[in-house]
Each structure stands twice: as structure tokens, then as C-alpha cells.
Amino acid sequence: RLRCDVLRVRDGALVPAWVYVAAARAVPGPR
């Protein structure tokens, strides 16, 4: 769980948010 700046579509503002990104044990498939 990382704090990241996310682009809010309605006004283009960058908003800080929690984002769950793949951890080391995750095995991502095709992009």
C-alpha cells in the first residue's frame, strides 16, 4: 500500500491516495 498522486478526471487535479501495487511475491501476467 503506497501513497501516490492520482489524477482526478473531473478537474485534472493530482490527489494523494492509497494505491495497492504488486509486492515482491506477486506474479504479474501479461500487460
PDB file of all heavy atoms in Angstrom:
ATOM      1  N   ARG A   1       0.869  -1.180   0.000  1.00  0.00           N
ATOM      2  CA  ARG A   1       0.000   0.000   0.000  1.00  0.00           C
ATOM      3  C   ARG A   1       0.903   1.226   0.000  1.00  0.00           C
ATOM      4  O   ARG A   1       1.634   1.471   0.944  1.00  0.00           O
ATOM      5  CB  ARG A   1      -0.935   0.000   1.215  1.00  0.00           C
ATOM      6  CG  ARG A   1      -1.817   1.248   1.241  1.00  0.00           C
ATOM      7  CD  ARG A   1      -2.920   1.235   2.278  1.00  0.00           C
ATOM      8  NE  ARG A   1      -2.736   0.520   3.502  1.00  0.00           N
ATOM      9  CZ  ARG A   1      -2.267   1.056   4.640  1.00  0.00           C
ATOM     10  NH1 ARG A   1      -1.887   2.323   4.692  1.00  0.00           N
ATOM     11  NH2 ARG A   1      -2.175   0.319   5.733  1.00  0.00           N
ATOM     12  N   LEU A   2       0.849   1.985  -1.102  1.00  0.00           N
ATOM     13  CA  LEU A   2       1.707   3.154  -1.272  1.00  0.00           C
ATOM     14  C   LEU A   2       0.877   4.428  -1.392  1.00  0.00           C
ATOM     15  O   LEU A   2      -0.209   4.418  -1.971  1.00  0.00           O
ATOM     16  CB  LEU A   2       2.565   3.027  -2.538  1.00  0.00           C
ATOM     17  CG  LEU A   2       3.456   1.799  -2.663  1.00  0.00           C
ATOM     18  CD1 LEU A   2       4.183   1.832  -4.007  1.00  0.00           C
ATOM     19  CD2 LEU A   2       4.436   1.714  -1.508  1.00  0.00           C
ATOM     20  N   ARG A   3       1.434   5.512  -0.889  1.00  0.00           N
ATOM     21  CA  ARG A   3       0.829   6.838  -1.096  1.00  0.00           C
ATOM     22  C   ARG A   3       1.315   7.327  -2.453  1.00  0.00           C
ATOM     23  O   ARG A   3       2.517   7.453  -2.683  1.00  0.00           O
ATOM     24  CB  ARG A   3       1.277   7.795   0.004  1.00  0.00           C
ATOM     25  CG  ARG A   3       0.639   9.157  -0.098  1.00  0.00           C
ATOM     26  CD  ARG A   3       1.313  10.112   0.899  1.00  0.00           C
ATOM     27  NE  ARG A   3       0.674  11.388   0.939  1.00  0.00           N
ATOM     28  CZ  ARG A   3       0.872  12.364   0.036  1.00  0.00           C
ATOM     29  NH1 ARG A   3       1.707  12.193  -0.963  1.00  0.00           N
ATOM     30  NH2 ARG A   3       0.230  13.516   0.153  1.00  0.00           N
ATOM     31  N   CYS A   4       0.387   7.564  -3.368  1.00  0.00           N
ATOM     32  CA  CYS A   4       0.714   8.004  -4.728  1.00  0.00           C
ATOM     33  C   CYS A   4      -0.182   9.177  -5.104  1.00  0.00           C
ATOM     34  O   CYS A   4      -1.305   9.292  -4.616  1.00  0.00           O
ATOM     35  CB  CYS A   4       0.469   6.879  -5.731  1.00  0.00           C
ATOM     36  SG  CYS A   4       1.431   5.390  -5.468  1.00  0.00           S
ATOM     37  N   ASP A   5       0.306  10.003  -6.002  1.00  0.00           N
ATOM     38  CA  ASP A   5      -0.538  11.068  -6.557  1.00  0.00           C
ATOM     39  C   ASP A   5      -1.322  10.503  -7.726  1.00  0.00           C
ATOM     40  O   ASP A   5      -0.758   9.923  -8.654  1.00  0.00           O
ATOM     41  CB  ASP A   5       0.317  12.255  -7.007  1.00  0.00           C
ATOM     42  CG  ASP A   5       0.864  13.048  -5.836  1.00  0.00           C
ATOM     43  OD1 ASP A   5       0.218  13.052  -4.772  1.00  0.00           O
ATOM     44  OD2 ASP A   5       1.931  13.660  -5.990  1.00  0.00           O
ATOM     45  N   VAL A   6      -2.634  10.678  -7.664  1.00  0.00           N
ATOM     46  CA  VAL A   6      -3.560  10.150  -8.662  1.00  0.00           C
ATOM     47  C   VAL A   6      -4.238  11.326  -9.353  1.00  0.00           C
ATOM     48  O   VAL A   6      -4.599  12.315  -8.705  1.00  0.00           O
ATOM     49  CB  VAL A   6      -4.598   9.235  -7.964  1.00  0.00           C
ATOM     50  CG1 VAL A   6      -5.655   8.764  -8.931  1.00  0.00           C
ATOM     51  CG2 VAL A   6      -3.893   8.056  -7.299  1.00  0.00           C
ATOM     52  N   LEU A   7      -4.413  11.226 -10.646  1.00  0.00           N
ATOM     53  CA  LEU A   7      -5.049  12.277 -11.427  1.00  0.00           C
ATOM     54  C   LEU A   7      -6.566  12.105 -11.382  1.00  0.00           C
ATOM     55  O   LEU A   7      -7.103  11.096 -11.844  1.00  0.00           O
ATOM     56  CB  LEU A   7      -4.563  12.203 -12.881  1.00  0.00           C
ATOM     57  CG  LEU A   7      -5.073  13.279 -13.816  1.00  0.00           C
ATOM     58  CD1 LEU A   7      -4.454  14.626 -13.458  1.00  0.00           C
ATOM     59  CD2 LEU A   7      -4.736  12.897 -15.241  1.00  0.00           C
ATOM     60  N   ARG A   8      -7.259  13.078 -10.804  1.00  0.00           N
ATOM     61  CA  ARG A   8      -8.722  13.059 -10.744  1.00  0.00           C
ATOM     62  C   ARG A   8      -9.242  13.545 -12.089  1.00  0.00           C
ATOM     63  O   ARG A   8      -8.910  14.638 -12.542  1.00  0.00           O
ATOM     64  CB  ARG A   8      -9.211  13.945  -9.602  1.00  0.00           C
ATOM     65  CG  ARG A   8     -10.692  13.843  -9.338  1.00  0.00           C
ATOM     66  CD  ARG A   8     -11.114  14.528  -8.062  1.00  0.00           C
ATOM     67  NE  ARG A   8     -10.591  15.895  -8.007  1.00  0.00           N
ATOM     68  CZ  ARG A   8     -10.356  16.560  -6.886  1.00  0.00           C
ATOM     69  NH1 ARG A   8     -10.575  15.996  -5.720  1.00  0.00           N
ATOM     70  NH2 ARG A   8      -9.902  17.795  -6.920  1.00  0.00           N
ATOM     71  N   VAL A   9     -10.056  12.755 -12.764  1.00  0.00           N
ATOM     72  CA  VAL A   9     -10.503  13.047 -14.124  1.00  0.00           C
ATOM     73  C   VAL A   9     -11.330  14.322 -14.211  1.00  0.00           C
ATOM     74  O   VAL A   9     -11.142  15.127 -15.120  1.00  0.00           O
ATOM     75  CB  VAL A   9     -11.279  11.838 -14.710  1.00  0.00           C
ATOM     76  CG1 VAL A   9     -11.942  12.192 -16.022  1.00  0.00           C
ATOM     77  CG2 VAL A   9     -10.341  10.649 -14.880  1.00  0.00           C
ATOM     78  N   ARG A  10     -12.230  14.562 -13.265  1.00  0.00           N
ATOM     79  CA  ARG A  10     -13.174  15.681 -13.402  1.00  0.00           C
ATOM     80  C   ARG A  10     -12.502  17.044 -13.479  1.00  0.00           C
ATOM     81  O   ARG A  10     -13.009  17.951 -14.125  1.00  0.00           O
ATOM     82  CB  ARG A  10     -14.228  15.665 -12.303  1.00  0.00           C
ATOM     83  CG  ARG A  10     -13.754  16.036 -10.924  1.00  0.00           C
ATOM     84  CD  ARG A  10     -14.932  16.100  -9.933  1.00  0.00           C
ATOM     85  NE  ARG A  10     -14.494  15.988  -8.579  1.00  0.00           N
ATOM     86  CZ  ARG A  10     -14.132  17.026  -7.827  1.00  0.00           C
ATOM     87  NH1 ARG A  10     -14.155  18.236  -8.329  1.00  0.00           N
ATOM     88  NH2 ARG A  10     -13.736  16.832  -6.592  1.00  0.00           N
ATOM     89  N   ASP A  11     -11.348  17.207 -12.824  1.00  0.00           N
ATOM     90  CA  ASP A  11     -10.706  18.531 -12.847  1.00  0.00           C
ATOM     91  C   ASP A  11      -9.208  18.488 -13.117  1.00  0.00           C
ATOM     92  O   ASP A  11      -8.544  19.520 -13.117  1.00  0.00           O
ATOM     93  CB  ASP A  11     -10.969  19.269 -11.532  1.00  0.00           C
ATOM     94  CG  ASP A  11     -10.440  18.553 -10.311  1.00  0.00           C
ATOM     95  OD1 ASP A  11      -9.790  17.490 -10.461  1.00  0.00           O
ATOM     96  OD2 ASP A  11     -10.694  19.038  -9.191  1.00  0.00           O
ATOM     97  N   GLY A  12      -8.650  17.310 -13.355  1.00  0.00           N
ATOM     98  CA  GLY A  12      -7.228  17.190 -13.653  1.00  0.00           C
ATOM     99  C   GLY A  12      -6.316  17.395 -12.462  1.00  0.00           C
ATOM    100  O   GLY A  12      -5.095  17.476 -12.608  1.00  0.00           O
ATOM    101  N   ALA A  13      -6.874  17.466 -11.262  1.00  0.00           N
ATOM    102  CA  ALA A  13      -6.063  17.682 -10.059  1.00  0.00           C
ATOM    103  C   ALA A  13      -5.336  16.404  -9.665  1.00  0.00           C
ATOM    104  O   ALA A  13      -5.865  15.298  -9.809  1.00  0.00           O
ATOM    105  CB  ALA A  13      -6.952  18.135  -8.902  1.00  0.00           C
ATOM    106  N   LEU A  14      -4.108  16.566  -9.162  1.00  0.00           N
ATOM    107  CA  LEU A  14      -3.384  15.443  -8.574  1.00  0.00           C
ATOM    108  C   LEU A  14      -3.796  15.334  -7.114  1.00  0.00           C
ATOM    109  O   LEU A  14      -3.715  16.302  -6.363  1.00  0.00           O
ATOM    110  CB  LEU A  14      -1.876  15.651  -8.691  1.00  0.00           C
ATOM    111  CG  LEU A  14      -1.291  15.419 -10.069  1.00  0.00           C
ATOM    112  CD1 LEU A  14       0.196  15.757 -10.087  1.00  0.00           C
ATOM    113  CD2 LEU A  14      -1.510  13.983 -10.533  1.00  0.00           C
ATOM    114  N   VAL A  15      -4.262  14.157  -6.729  1.00  0.00           N
ATOM    115  CA  VAL A  15      -4.800  13.917  -5.398  1.00  0.00           C
ATOM    116  C   VAL A  15      -4.010  12.784  -4.755  1.00  0.00           C
ATOM    117  O   VAL A  15      -3.857  11.723  -5.365  1.00  0.00           O
ATOM    118  CB  VAL A  15      -6.295  13.516  -5.499  1.00  0.00           C
ATOM    119  CG1 VAL A  15      -6.868  13.172  -4.150  1.00  0.00           C
ATOM    120  CG2 VAL A  15      -7.095  14.606  -6.190  1.00  0.00           C
ATOM    121  N   PRO A  16      -3.502  12.967  -3.536  1.00  0.00           N
ATOM    122  CA  PRO A  16      -2.822  11.852  -2.873  1.00  0.00           C
ATOM    123  C   PRO A  16      -3.838  10.776  -2.501  1.00  0.00           C
ATOM    124  O   PRO A  16      -4.948  11.075  -2.053  1.00  0.00           O
ATOM    125  CB  PRO A  16      -2.193  12.488  -1.639  1.00  0.00           C
ATOM    126  CG  PRO A  16      -2.973  13.733  -1.386  1.00  0.00           C
ATOM    127  CD  PRO A  16      -3.512  14.183  -2.714  1.00  0.00           C
ATOM    128  N   ALA A  17      -3.444   9.520  -2.715  1.00  0.00           N
ATOM    129  CA  ALA A  17      -4.339   8.398  -2.430  1.00  0.00           C
ATOM    130  C   ALA A  17      -3.511   7.172  -2.071  1.00  0.00           C
ATOM    131  O   ALA A  17      -2.336   7.071  -2.443  1.00  0.00           O
ATOM    132  CB  ALA A  17      -5.213   8.095  -3.649  1.00  0.00           C
ATOM    133  N   TRP A  18      -4.144   6.243  -1.367  1.00  0.00           N
ATOM    134  CA  TRP A  18      -3.526   4.941  -1.152  1.00  0.00           C
ATOM    135  C   TRP A  18      -3.756   4.105  -2.402  1.00  0.00           C
ATOM    136  O   TRP A  18      -4.867   4.057  -2.938  1.00  0.00           O
ATOM    137  CB  TRP A  18      -4.149   4.229   0.041  1.00  0.00           C
ATOM    138  CG  TRP A  18      -3.820   4.795   1.379  1.00  0.00           C
ATOM    139  CD1 TRP A  18      -4.710   5.219   2.325  1.00  0.00           C
ATOM    140  CD2 TRP A  18      -2.523   4.979   1.958  1.00  0.00           C
ATOM    141  NE1 TRP A  18      -4.036   5.663   3.443  1.00  0.00           N
ATOM    142  CE2 TRP A  18      -2.686   5.529   3.246  1.00  0.00           C
ATOM    143  CE3 TRP A  18      -1.224   4.751   1.504  1.00  0.00           C
ATOM    144  CZ2 TRP A  18      -1.620   5.831   4.082  1.00  0.00           C
ATOM    145  CZ3 TRP A  18      -0.148   5.059   2.335  1.00  0.00           C
ATOM    146  CH2 TRP A  18      -0.363   5.580   3.604  1.00  0.00           C
ATOM    147  N   VAL A  19      -2.700   3.442  -2.853  1.00  0.00           N
ATOM    148  CA  VAL A  19      -2.769   2.557  -4.015  1.00  0.00           C
ATOM    149  C   VAL A  19      -2.106   1.240  -3.641  1.00  0.00           C
ATOM    150  O   VAL A  19      -0.997   1.236  -3.091  1.00  0.00           O
ATOM    151  CB  VAL A  19      -2.053   3.165  -5.238  1.00  0.00           C
ATOM    152  CG1 VAL A  19      -2.168   2.240  -6.438  1.00  0.00           C
ATOM    153  CG2 VAL A  19      -2.593   4.550  -5.571  1.00  0.00           C
ATOM    154  N   TYR A  20      -2.762   0.145  -3.930  1.00  0.00           N
ATOM    155  CA  TYR A  20      -2.182  -1.172  -3.710  1.00  0.00           C
ATOM    156  C   TYR A  20      -1.492  -1.591  -5.006  1.00  0.00           C
ATOM    157  O   TYR A  20      -2.144  -1.765  -6.037  1.00  0.00           O
ATOM    158  CB  TYR A  20      -3.269  -2.180  -3.323  1.00  0.00           C
ATOM    159  CG  TYR A  20      -3.873  -1.907  -1.965  1.00  0.00           C
ATOM    160  CD1 TYR A  20      -4.989  -1.080  -1.827  1.00  0.00           C
ATOM    161  CD2 TYR A  20      -3.315  -2.455  -0.814  1.00  0.00           C
ATOM    162  CE1 TYR A  20      -5.544  -0.825  -0.582  1.00  0.00           C
ATOM    163  CE2 TYR A  20      -3.867  -2.201   0.435  1.00  0.00           C
ATOM    164  CZ  TYR A  20      -4.969  -1.392   0.546  1.00  0.00           C
ATOM    165  OH  TYR A  20      -5.520  -1.129   1.783  1.00  0.00           O
ATOM    166  N   VAL A  21      -0.165  -1.714  -4.958  1.00  0.00           N
ATOM    167  CA  VAL A  21       0.636  -2.119  -6.109  1.00  0.00           C
ATOM    168  C   VAL A  21       1.256  -3.483  -5.831  1.00  0.00           C
ATOM    169  O   VAL A  21       1.410  -3.880  -4.674  1.00  0.00           O
ATOM    170  CB  VAL A  21       1.714  -1.071  -6.466  1.00  0.00           C
ATOM    171  CG1 VAL A  21       1.088   0.266  -6.816  1.00  0.00           C
ATOM    172  CG2 VAL A  21       2.726  -0.923  -5.350  1.00  0.00           C
ATOM    173  N   ALA A  22       1.634  -4.180  -6.885  1.00  0.00           N
ATOM    174  CA  ALA A  22       2.186  -5.527  -6.748  1.00  0.00           C
ATOM    175  C   ALA A  22       3.396  -5.547  -5.818  1.00  0.00           C
ATOM    176  O   ALA A  22       4.300  -4.727  -5.944  1.00  0.00           O
ATOM    177  CB  ALA A  22       2.574  -6.062  -8.120  1.00  0.00           C
ATOM    178  N   ALA A  23       3.393  -6.483  -4.879  1.00  0.00           N
ATOM    179  CA  ALA A  23       4.526  -6.683  -3.964  1.00  0.00           C
ATOM    180  C   ALA A  23       5.471  -7.717  -4.570  1.00  0.00           C
ATOM    181  O   ALA A  23       5.186  -8.320  -5.614  1.00  0.00           O
ATOM    182  CB  ALA A  23       4.014  -7.152  -2.603  1.00  0.00           C
ATOM    183  N   ALA A  24       6.563  -7.962  -3.894  1.00  0.00           N
ATOM    184  CA  ALA A  24       7.610  -8.847  -4.407  1.00  0.00           C
ATOM    185  C   ALA A  24       7.106 -10.252  -4.709  1.00  0.00           C
ATOM    186  O   ALA A  24       7.532 -10.867  -5.682  1.00  0.00           O
ATOM    187  CB  ALA A  24       8.774  -8.895  -3.421  1.00  0.00           C
ATOM    188  N   ARG A  25       6.172 -10.785  -3.910  1.00  0.00           N
ATOM    189  CA  ARG A  25       5.725 -12.164  -4.142  1.00  0.00           C
ATOM    190  C   ARG A  25       4.643 -12.288  -5.227  1.00  0.00           C
ATOM    191  O   ARG A  25       4.303 -13.393  -5.636  1.00  0.00           O
ATOM    192  CB  ARG A  25       5.269 -12.805  -2.835  1.00  0.00           C
ATOM    193  CG  ARG A  25       3.884 -12.477  -2.376  1.00  0.00           C
ATOM    194  CD  ARG A  25       3.523 -13.352  -1.147  1.00  0.00           C
ATOM    195  NE  ARG A  25       2.197 -13.061  -0.665  1.00  0.00           N
ATOM    196  CZ  ARG A  25       1.131 -13.829  -0.930  1.00  0.00           C
ATOM    197  NH1 ARG A  25       1.257 -14.902  -1.655  1.00  0.00           N
ATOM    198  NH2 ARG A  25      -0.051 -13.491  -0.436  1.00  0.00           N
ATOM    199  N   ALA A  26       4.140 -11.171  -5.711  1.00  0.00           N
ATOM    200  CA  ALA A  26       3.127 -11.198  -6.781  1.00  0.00           C
ATOM    201  C   ALA A  26       3.771 -11.692  -8.082  1.00  0.00           C
ATOM    202  O   ALA A  26       4.950 -11.446  -8.334  1.00  0.00           O
ATOM    203  CB  ALA A  26       2.540  -9.811  -6.980  1.00  0.00           C
ATOM    204  N   VAL A  27       2.971 -12.376  -8.878  1.00  0.00           N
ATOM    205  CA  VAL A  27       3.449 -12.865 -10.173  1.00  0.00           C
ATOM    206  C   VAL A  27       2.546 -12.285 -11.257  1.00  0.00           C
ATOM    207  O   VAL A  27       1.561 -12.907 -11.663  1.00  0.00           O
ATOM    208  CB  VAL A  27       3.448 -14.410 -10.227  1.00  0.00           C
ATOM    209  CG1 VAL A  27       3.991 -14.906 -11.563  1.00  0.00           C
ATOM    210  CG2 VAL A  27       4.245 -14.996  -9.074  1.00  0.00           C
ATOM    211  N   PRO A  28       2.863 -11.062 -11.709  1.00  0.00           N
ATOM    212  CA  PRO A  28       2.025 -10.426 -12.738  1.00  0.00           C
ATOM    213  C   PRO A  28       2.057 -11.208 -14.045  1.00  0.00           C
ATOM    214  O   PRO A  28       3.096 -11.751 -14.435  1.00  0.00           O
ATOM    215  CB  PRO A  28       2.652  -9.043 -12.904  1.00  0.00           C
ATOM    216  CG  PRO A  28       3.446  -8.827 -11.653  1.00  0.00           C
ATOM    217  CD  PRO A  28       3.925 -10.183 -11.243  1.00  0.00           C
ATOM    218  N   GLY A  29       0.901 -11.229 -14.692  1.00  0.00           N
ATOM    219  CA  GLY A  29       0.794 -11.866 -16.001  1.00  0.00           C
ATOM    220  C   GLY A  29       1.031 -10.845 -17.099  1.00  0.00           C
ATOM    221  O   GLY A  29       1.709  -9.836 -16.889  1.00  0.00           O
ATOM    222  N   PRO A  30       0.435 -11.073 -18.269  1.00  0.00           N
ATOM    223  CA  PRO A  30       0.631 -10.169 -19.402  1.00  0.00           C
ATOM    224  C   PRO A  30       0.160  -8.748 -19.095  1.00  0.00           C
ATOM    225  O   PRO A  30      -0.787  -8.543 -18.326  1.00  0.00           O
ATOM    226  CB  PRO A  30      -0.229 -10.779 -20.514  1.00  0.00           C
ATOM    227  CG  PRO A  30      -0.508 -12.179 -20.083  1.00  0.00           C
ATOM    228  CD  PRO A  30      -0.428 -12.199 -18.597  1.00  0.00           C
ATOM    229  N   ARG A  31       0.813  -7.808 -19.725  1.00  0.00           N
ATOM    230  CA  ARG A  31       0.443  -6.394 -19.554  1.00  0.00           C
ATOM    231  C   ARG A  31      -0.890  -6.118 -20.237  1.00  0.00           C
ATOM    232  O   ARG A  31      -1.166  -6.635 -21.319  1.00  0.00           O
ATOM    233  CB  ARG A  31       1.536  -5.498 -20.147  1.00  0.00           C
ATOM    234  CG  ARG A  31       1.282  -4.040 -19.887  1.00  0.00           C
ATOM    235  CD  ARG A  31       2.456  -3.196 -20.293  1.00  0.00           C
ATOM    236  NE  ARG A  31       2.085  -1.798 -20.261  1.00  0.00           N
ATOM    237  CZ  ARG A  31       2.868  -0.830 -20.657  1.00  0.00           C
ATOM    238  NH1 ARG A  31       4.072  -1.092 -21.111  1.00  0.00           N
ATOM    239  NH2 ARG A  31       2.451   0.412 -20.609  1.00  0.00           N
TER     240      ARG A  31
END
